[in-house]
Amino acid sequence: MRKLLLPVLAVLLILMSACSSKAAKPADESAPKEPTKAEQPATFTYQSESGPVDVPSHPERVIVLSSYAGNVMSLGVKLVGVDSWSKMNPRFQDELKDVQEVSDENLEKIIELDPDLIVGLDTTKNVDKLKEIAPTVIYTYGKLDYLKQHIEIGKLLNKEKEAQAWVDDFKQRAAKAGADIKAKIGENATVSVIENFDKQLYVFGDHWARGTEILYQEMKLKMPEKVKELAMKPGYYALSAEVLPEFAGDYIIFSKSKDTDNSFQNTDTYKNIPAVKNNRVYEADSKSFYFNDPLTLDFQLEFFIEKFLGN
């Protein structure tokens, strides 16, 4: 009996030793750990399109003098000043309630806001003076596509992983919605995006916000040949209401402003457009539709899902 027990005891000892070893060494002990906020340096060098810029690792007082306020807000970074276009966006009113409207010409106000980072466009004025106030990063609008631009802003704010995660998720959601929409309206159905701004009517290509990136780039919906011919490269094309039928798709997205004369909608020319006659014109508030930041893109995507699919 004793000889029989010895092998059993030996096996038990081996098992106990293995379990003890595993308990003493966590499975992820060898995995690299990201430094905490306190462990990171106060600044890092960001490679901007105009050269290296030392920026705060965790900016807390950002001023945006361009169309990127929504990008910054979506990444959870505090704004203290924004441009007038962002400030008047009705969908940003709650988030920007306590944020000041500023311009590149009001340097005194910018100084008072004590920013630790300023973001602008290549058209921003007084850049050299802004750089004396705080680290200033300038982007050229359209140099990067709209999703790469968001990731680039993520790099600037030390939140690249968060920016990339949103992009990956958004592309999946937009692709699925596009497939569902094409299944409903047909593979060859065309969509136009128009806007009446300052008494001028415009039609848009595939990279000038107003939901165009979603419709044409992500959903792969088709645009009318006339739009492709004249609006694709520049991004937009100005036209008269009389020729609008030539640019009208089977469906029309109308980025509409209440502050502009929209009387062209009362003309026979407009009323006889097939999309109008078939109730396939979907009107959106232009001030909410101007941009292509994550907050606006999520809103635009839901708008398209509701209008095209009814849910």
Foldseek 3Di string as FASTA:
>chain_A
DVVVVVVVVVVVVVVVVVVVVPVVDDPCPVPDDDDDPVPDDQWDWAQAPVGTWIAGQAWAEEEEQAQCPLLCVVLPHDYQEYAPLQCPQPVCCVVCVNHYYDALVCVVVVLVSQGQEYEYEPPGPPPVVVCVRHTYGYYHPPPDALLVVSLSVCVVNNRNVVSVVLVVVLLVLLQVLLVVLCVPPHQQFAEWEWEQDPNWIKTFAQGQWLCSVSQCVRSVHHFQPVCVVAHHPVGMDIDDLQCVLNRHTLAYEYQYEPVDDPCSCVDPSNCPRNCNVVVRYHYDHNSLTRDDHSVSNVVSSVSCSCSSVVD
